[in-house]
Amino acid sequence: MAEAQRQEMNTSDSRRVTPAGRKATDHGVNFTNTVHLSRGIVSLRRANVFSQTPAKRVVPQILHEQAMADPQTDLLLGKQWTLYTVTPLYKFSYEQLQSYSKQLSLFVASQKQKRLALEADLDLTYIVKFSVVSALKTMEREQASVLIQITETSQVTAENKGGKTIWMGLFCCTRGEDIVETVMEDFTCLPLFLVHGTKSLSDLVEEWLQQTFDCCFGPLRISSISLAWMAAMWTGFTVDKYTAATELTFSVPCTPYPLDISYAIHPEDAKALWESIQSTEGEVRQEEVELFMECLYNHFHRHFKIHLSATKLVKVSTSVASAHSSGKITILLSQHLIRVLSLLTELAISTIR
């Protein structure tokens, strides 16, 4: 960015960002469609919808060594997960995980043979494993997370004592100890379910879980407001390794063709802006998130004369994680795994309620 642009932004933003410090001074823009925006869309005004979210959120002060202590947490990183909400599980028992593994293995194998006769000819075997991910439990009253893995083996791979994990699912209640107290006896509350794998296997697992534990699944969408919270919170997290740009993707409404705008901010500039806004370390307030987004909107409009506030935020990408409004998420760092899952658990609980 030219020096004149840096001075312009610092002068304008200094009236909004009160603590003395650093300002966001760099950006990147990419239009995924080369057509021009309608002037009518640019003139739209943003409604104040931040009032629909909590007044503040406390960032869990969890040492990253806790998430790194269990090798299973490595399986959760770098993969795209689809998010679901789950009602409480009836008669679920942590002492019966081995039995559940055998039951679901038999169910998947039988259903696969019925639906896909070709797989029976290939002599494929599906091995299911239920296991507790103890590193994700942060408090005594909290329900322990449960990981489900499905491994596909054949006669060839079995001889080599190998197999390929083709599906994973994670039941989670990280930092959700408050809801546990409200759940009736004989029910286990694991409101967040993350899935990585094919839809056909997901459907089979969901069918078995619903039949076995009398529960219901639903997609967990992430609203634009929740994405804004993620952008602010994750930008403020300390990252030990390589940092990537904070990138926000916006969808333009009321166009006859799909049109997205991606807005990338240098990680140091984004973090400097957030630190100049955040008043209390370890605590994020609704008005701080709103101001953070407003500063970014104003900066973008000043240079490109486009009102991002008239669009819809659909994706957030940071060094910590990336999330899409459709309910897709990729977690990149074990350092902040618990913090990301605790926010997703909160969103799942609010959806079920």
Protein backbone atom coordinates (compact mmCIF):
# COMPACT_ATOMS: atom_id res chain seq x y z
CA MET A 1 0.00 0.00 0.00
CA ALA A 2 1.28 3.49 -0.85
CA GLU A 3 2.40 5.75 1.98
CA ALA A 4 -0.42 8.23 1.28
CA GLN A 5 -2.96 5.45 1.70
CA ARG A 6 -1.37 4.41 5.02
CA GLN A 7 -1.59 7.97 6.34
CA GLU A 8 -5.19 8.30 5.18
CA MET A 9 -6.23 5.13 6.97
CA ASN A 10 -4.38 5.99 10.17
CA THR A 11 -5.94 9.45 10.27
CA SER A 12 -9.48 8.22 9.66
CA ASP A 13 -9.36 5.14 11.88
CA SER A 14 -7.74 6.96 14.80
CA ARG A 15 -11.07 8.59 15.57
CA ARG A 16 -12.60 5.15 16.13
CA VAL A 17 -9.83 3.08 17.67
CA THR A 18 -9.28 4.68 21.05
CA PRO A 19 -6.21 3.00 22.64
CA ALA A 20 -2.92 4.22 21.27
CA GLY A 21 -1.39 1.49 19.21
CA ARG A 22 -1.26 0.03 15.78
CA LYS A 23 -3.75 0.24 12.94
CA ALA A 24 -4.60 -2.15 10.12
CA THR A 25 -2.72 -0.89 7.08
CA ASP A 26 -2.63 -3.63 4.49
CA HIS A 27 -5.20 -5.55 2.54
CA GLY A 28 -5.71 -7.75 -0.46
CA VAL A 29 -8.78 -7.97 -2.66
CA ASN A 30 -9.88 -10.63 -5.09
CA PHE A 31 -13.09 -10.67 -7.13
CA THR A 32 -14.10 -14.22 -8.04
CA ASN A 33 -16.28 -12.73 -10.78
CA THR A 34 -14.95 -9.98 -13.00
CA VAL A 35 -18.26 -8.19 -13.53
CA HIS A 36 -18.92 -4.85 -11.83
CA LEU A 37 -21.11 -4.45 -8.75
CA SER A 38 -24.49 -2.84 -9.13
CA ARG A 39 -24.66 0.73 -7.81
CA GLY A 40 -27.97 -0.13 -6.17
CA ILE A 41 -26.34 -2.81 -4.04
CA VAL A 42 -23.58 -0.48 -2.95
CA SER A 43 -26.09 2.00 -1.55
CA LEU A 44 -27.69 -0.50 0.84
CA ARG A 45 -27.24 0.05 4.58
CA ARG A 46 -26.39 -2.59 7.18
CA ALA A 47 -28.89 -3.44 9.90
CA ASN A 48 -27.61 -3.74 13.45
CA VAL A 49 -27.93 -7.48 13.99
CA PHE A 50 -25.10 -7.89 16.49
CA SER A 51 -27.69 -7.56 19.25
CA GLN A 52 -28.67 -11.17 18.47
CA THR A 53 -25.40 -12.47 19.92
CA PRO A 54 -24.07 -12.67 23.51
CA ALA A 55 -22.90 -9.41 25.06
CA LYS A 56 -19.49 -10.97 25.65
CA ARG A 57 -17.58 -14.24 25.41
CA VAL A 58 -14.74 -15.34 27.66
CA VAL A 59 -11.83 -17.00 25.88
CA PRO A 60 -10.92 -20.27 27.69
CA GLN A 61 -7.45 -20.00 29.20
CA ILE A 62 -6.33 -23.51 28.28
CA LEU A 63 -2.67 -24.40 27.82
CA HIS A 64 -2.08 -25.86 24.37
CA GLU A 65 -0.10 -28.73 25.91
CA GLN A 66 -3.44 -30.20 27.00
CA ALA A 67 -4.60 -30.66 23.41
CA MET A 68 -1.17 -31.85 22.29
CA ALA A 69 -0.95 -34.52 24.99
CA ASP A 70 -3.23 -36.93 23.12
CA PRO A 71 -2.10 -38.19 19.67
CA GLN A 72 -5.77 -38.41 18.66
CA THR A 73 -5.97 -34.62 18.45
CA ASP A 74 -3.63 -34.71 15.44
CA LEU A 75 -6.40 -36.53 13.57
CA LEU A 76 -8.64 -33.50 13.99
CA LEU A 77 -6.29 -30.99 12.37
CA GLY A 78 -6.10 -29.96 8.72
CA LYS A 79 -9.31 -31.74 7.70
CA GLN A 80 -12.56 -30.20 6.55
CA TRP A 81 -15.33 -31.14 8.98
CA THR A 82 -19.08 -30.81 8.50
CA LEU A 83 -20.90 -29.63 11.62
CA TYR A 84 -24.10 -31.10 13.08
CA THR A 85 -26.14 -30.64 16.22
CA VAL A 86 -27.26 -33.69 18.21
CA THR A 87 -29.97 -34.05 20.82
CA PRO A 88 -29.02 -35.91 24.06
CA LEU A 89 -28.19 -39.60 23.66
CA TYR A 90 -30.45 -41.99 25.57
CA LYS A 91 -28.76 -44.80 27.53
CA PHE A 92 -25.32 -44.01 26.13
CA SER A 93 -22.52 -45.50 28.23
CA TYR A 94 -18.79 -44.82 28.07
CA GLU A 95 -18.23 -48.34 29.41
CA GLN A 96 -19.85 -49.84 26.29
CA LEU A 97 -17.66 -48.24 23.60
CA GLN A 98 -16.17 -51.58 22.55
CA SER A 99 -19.63 -53.06 22.16
CA TYR A 100 -20.78 -50.06 20.12
CA SER A 101 -17.74 -50.53 17.85
CA LYS A 102 -18.74 -54.13 17.07
CA GLN A 103 -22.41 -53.28 16.58
CA LEU A 104 -21.76 -50.41 14.19
CA SER A 105 -19.15 -52.47 12.27
CA LEU A 106 -21.76 -55.16 11.62
CA PHE A 107 -24.42 -52.60 10.71
CA VAL A 108 -22.20 -50.77 8.21
CA ALA A 109 -21.04 -54.02 6.61
CA SER A 110 -24.57 -55.38 6.23
CA GLN A 111 -25.97 -52.14 4.83
CA LYS A 112 -23.08 -51.75 2.41
CA GLN A 113 -23.64 -55.25 1.06
CA LYS A 114 -27.32 -54.53 0.55
CA ARG A 115 -26.81 -51.19 -1.20
CA LEU A 116 -23.57 -51.81 -3.07
CA ALA A 117 -23.28 -55.38 -4.27
CA LEU A 118 -19.93 -54.69 -5.90
CA GLU A 119 -18.29 -54.13 -2.54
CA ALA A 120 -19.24 -57.63 -1.43
CA ASP A 121 -17.29 -59.01 -4.39
CA LEU A 122 -14.24 -57.03 -3.29
CA ASP A 123 -14.43 -58.64 0.16
CA LEU A 124 -14.18 -55.32 1.94
CA THR A 125 -14.38 -55.19 5.71
CA TYR A 126 -15.36 -52.15 7.75
CA ILE A 127 -13.87 -51.83 11.21
CA VAL A 128 -15.39 -49.24 13.55
CA LYS A 129 -13.67 -47.91 16.64
CA PHE A 130 -15.22 -45.76 19.39
CA SER A 131 -12.68 -44.02 21.65
CA VAL A 132 -12.60 -41.23 24.22
CA VAL A 133 -10.54 -38.11 23.41
CA SER A 134 -9.58 -37.20 26.95
CA ALA A 135 -7.52 -34.15 25.95
CA LEU A 136 -10.67 -32.28 24.95
CA LYS A 137 -12.22 -32.52 28.41
CA THR A 138 -11.42 -29.37 30.37
CA MET A 139 -13.67 -29.62 33.45
CA GLU A 140 -14.90 -32.38 35.76
CA ARG A 141 -18.61 -31.99 34.96
CA GLU A 142 -18.01 -31.86 31.23
CA GLN A 143 -18.91 -34.88 29.11
CA ALA A 144 -15.86 -36.49 27.47
CA SER A 145 -15.59 -36.24 23.69
CA VAL A 146 -15.98 -39.46 21.68
CA LEU A 147 -14.22 -40.16 18.38
CA ILE A 148 -15.63 -42.67 15.88
CA GLN A 149 -13.29 -44.01 13.20
CA ILE A 150 -14.21 -46.32 10.30
CA THR A 151 -11.37 -48.20 8.64
CA GLU A 152 -11.76 -50.04 5.35
CA THR A 153 -9.72 -53.20 4.83
CA SER A 154 -9.58 -55.94 2.21
CA GLN A 155 -7.80 -59.29 2.02
CA VAL A 156 -4.73 -57.57 0.57
CA THR A 157 -4.46 -54.85 3.22
CA ALA A 158 -5.34 -57.26 6.02
CA GLU A 159 -2.35 -59.40 5.14
CA ASN A 160 -0.16 -56.32 5.39
CA LYS A 161 -1.77 -55.46 8.73
CA GLY A 162 -3.00 -52.18 7.31
CA GLY A 163 -6.15 -50.35 6.44
CA LYS A 164 -7.41 -46.95 5.42
CA THR A 165 -9.46 -44.67 7.65
CA ILE A 166 -12.28 -43.53 5.38
CA TRP A 167 -14.62 -41.81 7.85
CA MET A 168 -14.43 -40.02 11.20
CA GLY A 169 -16.97 -38.47 13.51
CA LEU A 170 -16.44 -36.58 16.77
CA PHE A 171 -19.02 -36.09 19.51
CA CYS A 172 -18.06 -33.01 21.48
CA CYS A 173 -19.16 -31.04 24.54
CA THR A 174 -16.05 -28.93 25.14
CA ARG A 175 -16.74 -26.23 27.76
CA GLY A 176 -20.41 -27.23 27.72
CA GLU A 177 -20.62 -28.22 31.38
CA ASP A 178 -23.53 -25.87 32.06
CA ILE A 179 -25.95 -27.78 29.85
CA VAL A 180 -25.03 -31.10 31.47
CA GLU A 181 -26.82 -30.06 34.66
CA THR A 182 -30.09 -29.52 32.78
CA VAL A 183 -30.13 -32.92 31.07
CA MET A 184 -32.38 -35.64 32.50
CA GLU A 185 -31.01 -38.84 33.97
CA ASP A 186 -30.16 -41.60 31.45
CA PHE A 187 -29.26 -38.98 28.83
CA THR A 188 -25.75 -37.95 27.74
CA CYS A 189 -25.37 -34.51 26.20
CA LEU A 190 -22.80 -34.29 23.38
CA PRO A 191 -24.44 -31.51 21.32
CA LEU A 192 -21.74 -31.01 18.67
CA PHE A 193 -20.97 -33.66 16.05
CA LEU A 194 -18.18 -33.16 13.50
CA VAL A 195 -18.03 -35.40 10.43
CA HIS A 196 -15.23 -36.03 7.94
CA GLY A 197 -16.01 -38.54 5.20
CA THR A 198 -18.46 -39.53 2.50
CA LYS A 199 -22.15 -38.75 2.78
CA SER A 200 -23.10 -42.39 2.23
CA LEU A 201 -21.19 -43.49 5.32
CA SER A 202 -22.41 -40.47 7.27
CA ASP A 203 -25.99 -41.46 6.51
CA LEU A 204 -25.38 -45.02 7.72
CA VAL A 205 -23.71 -43.92 10.95
CA GLU A 206 -26.44 -41.36 11.60
CA GLU A 207 -29.12 -44.02 11.03
CA TRP A 208 -27.49 -46.40 13.52
CA LEU A 209 -26.94 -43.70 16.14
CA GLN A 210 -30.55 -42.54 15.90
CA GLN A 211 -31.87 -46.09 16.25
CA THR A 212 -29.52 -46.94 19.13
CA PHE A 213 -29.69 -43.76 21.20
CA ASP A 214 -33.02 -42.21 20.16
CA CYS A 215 -31.37 -38.95 19.11
CA CYS A 216 -31.85 -36.48 16.27
CA PHE A 217 -29.23 -34.82 14.04
CA GLY A 218 -29.44 -31.47 12.31
CA PRO A 219 -27.04 -29.37 10.24
CA LEU A 220 -25.21 -26.63 12.12
CA ARG A 221 -25.06 -23.50 9.97
CA ILE A 222 -22.82 -20.61 10.98
CA SER A 223 -24.42 -17.17 10.75
CA SER A 224 -22.60 -14.11 9.42
CA ILE A 225 -22.59 -12.70 12.96
CA SER A 226 -20.92 -15.81 14.36
CA LEU A 227 -18.37 -15.65 11.54
CA ALA A 228 -17.60 -12.05 12.53
CA TRP A 229 -16.97 -13.20 16.12
CA MET A 230 -14.65 -15.89 14.79
CA ALA A 231 -12.75 -13.38 12.66
CA ALA A 232 -12.15 -11.10 15.65
CA MET A 233 -11.40 -13.82 18.22
CA TRP A 234 -9.13 -15.91 16.03
CA THR A 235 -7.26 -12.84 14.80
CA GLY A 236 -6.42 -12.02 18.42
CA PHE A 237 -5.05 -15.47 19.27
CA THR A 238 -1.29 -15.85 19.57
CA VAL A 239 0.17 -18.09 16.88
CA ASP A 240 3.61 -19.65 17.36
CA LYS A 241 4.13 -20.87 13.82
CA TYR A 242 3.69 -19.33 10.36
CA THR A 243 0.79 -16.90 10.21
CA ALA A 244 -1.55 -16.58 7.25
CA ALA A 245 -3.59 -13.59 6.18
CA THR A 246 -6.98 -13.01 7.72
CA GLU A 247 -9.33 -13.48 4.77
CA LEU A 248 -13.02 -12.65 4.73
CA THR A 249 -15.28 -13.81 1.91
CA PHE A 250 -18.51 -11.94 1.19
CA SER A 251 -21.44 -13.00 -0.98
CA VAL A 252 -23.20 -10.24 -2.91
CA PRO A 253 -27.01 -10.54 -2.81
CA CYS A 254 -29.57 -9.68 -5.47
CA THR A 255 -27.38 -10.48 -8.47
CA PRO A 256 -28.40 -12.71 -11.41
CA TYR A 257 -25.05 -14.49 -11.13
CA PRO A 258 -22.95 -15.72 -8.19
CA LEU A 259 -20.54 -13.04 -7.03
CA ASP A 260 -18.15 -13.29 -4.08
CA ILE A 261 -15.61 -10.79 -2.81
CA SER A 262 -12.58 -11.92 -0.81
CA TYR A 263 -10.86 -9.39 1.42
CA ALA A 264 -7.43 -10.35 2.79
CA ILE A 265 -5.69 -8.43 5.58
CA HIS A 266 -2.06 -8.91 6.56
CA PRO A 267 -2.05 -10.91 9.83
CA GLU A 268 0.07 -8.35 11.68
CA ASP A 269 -2.21 -5.50 10.63
CA ALA A 270 -5.37 -7.43 11.54
CA LYS A 271 -3.94 -8.36 14.94
CA ALA A 272 -2.79 -4.76 15.56
CA LEU A 273 -6.28 -3.46 14.80
CA TRP A 274 -7.91 -6.00 17.12
CA GLU A 275 -5.48 -5.32 19.96
CA SER A 276 -6.19 -1.60 19.70
CA ILE A 277 -9.91 -2.35 20.09
CA GLN A 278 -9.99 -5.14 22.70
CA SER A 279 -10.20 -3.67 26.19
CA THR A 280 -9.82 -6.79 28.38
CA GLU A 281 -7.49 -9.67 27.56
CA GLY A 282 -9.25 -13.03 27.53
CA GLU A 283 -12.65 -11.41 27.03
CA VAL A 284 -14.36 -10.42 23.79
CA ARG A 285 -17.32 -8.04 23.80
CA GLN A 286 -20.03 -7.69 21.21
CA GLU A 287 -19.34 -3.99 20.65
CA GLU A 288 -15.65 -4.77 20.07
CA VAL A 289 -16.48 -7.29 17.35
CA GLU A 290 -18.84 -4.79 15.75
CA LEU A 291 -16.19 -2.06 15.81
CA PHE A 292 -13.57 -4.44 14.39
CA MET A 293 -15.79 -5.28 11.42
CA GLU A 294 -16.83 -1.64 10.95
CA CYS A 295 -13.19 -0.55 10.72
CA LEU A 296 -12.56 -3.17 8.04
CA TYR A 297 -15.70 -2.15 6.15
CA ASN A 298 -14.75 1.53 6.25
CA HIS A 299 -11.22 0.85 5.10
CA PHE A 300 -12.47 -1.23 2.16
CA HIS A 301 -15.03 1.39 1.16
CA ARG A 302 -12.49 4.20 1.35
CA HIS A 303 -10.32 2.51 -1.29
CA PHE A 304 -12.87 0.69 -3.47
CA LYS A 305 -16.15 2.57 -2.86
CA ILE A 306 -17.91 -0.71 -2.11
CA HIS A 307 -20.11 -1.19 0.96
CA LEU A 308 -19.22 -4.63 2.29
CA SER A 309 -21.84 -4.05 4.96
CA ALA A 310 -24.43 -4.56 2.23
CA THR A 311 -23.11 -8.04 1.50
CA LYS A 312 -23.18 -11.27 3.51
CA LEU A 313 -20.10 -12.65 5.27
CA VAL A 314 -19.94 -16.33 4.30
CA LYS A 315 -16.38 -17.44 5.11
CA VAL A 316 -13.55 -16.59 7.50
CA SER A 317 -9.99 -17.88 7.14
CA THR A 318 -7.22 -17.26 9.68
CA SER A 319 -4.04 -18.93 10.89
CA VAL A 320 -6.10 -20.66 13.59
CA ALA A 321 -8.99 -22.09 11.53
CA SER A 322 -11.33 -21.45 8.63
CA ALA A 323 -15.11 -21.63 8.74
CA HIS A 324 -17.90 -21.40 6.15
CA SER A 325 -21.52 -20.46 6.71
CA SER A 326 -22.62 -23.84 5.28
CA GLY A 327 -21.23 -25.51 8.40
CA LYS A 328 -17.78 -26.46 7.14
CA ILE A 329 -14.72 -25.90 9.33
CA THR A 330 -11.01 -26.70 9.19
CA ILE A 331 -8.95 -26.43 12.38
CA LEU A 332 -5.26 -25.81 11.78
CA LEU A 333 -3.57 -25.54 15.18
CA SER A 334 -3.72 -27.86 18.20
CA GLN A 335 -2.69 -24.80 20.20
CA HIS A 336 -6.23 -23.41 19.88
CA LEU A 337 -8.20 -26.61 19.27
CA ILE A 338 -10.09 -26.44 22.56
CA ARG A 339 -10.94 -22.76 22.07
CA VAL A 340 -12.39 -23.41 18.61
CA LEU A 341 -14.39 -26.44 19.77
CA SER A 342 -15.74 -24.57 22.80
CA LEU A 343 -17.20 -21.87 20.55
CA LEU A 344 -18.69 -24.45 18.18
CA THR A 345 -20.18 -26.31 21.17
CA GLU A 346 -21.80 -23.07 22.33
CA LEU A 347 -23.32 -22.55 18.88
CA ALA A 348 -24.62 -26.13 18.82
CA ILE A 349 -26.22 -25.77 22.26
CA SER A 350 -27.93 -22.52 21.30
CA THR A 351 -29.32 -24.17 18.15
CA ILE A 352 -30.76 -27.16 20.03
CA ARG A 353 -32.35 -24.95 22.67
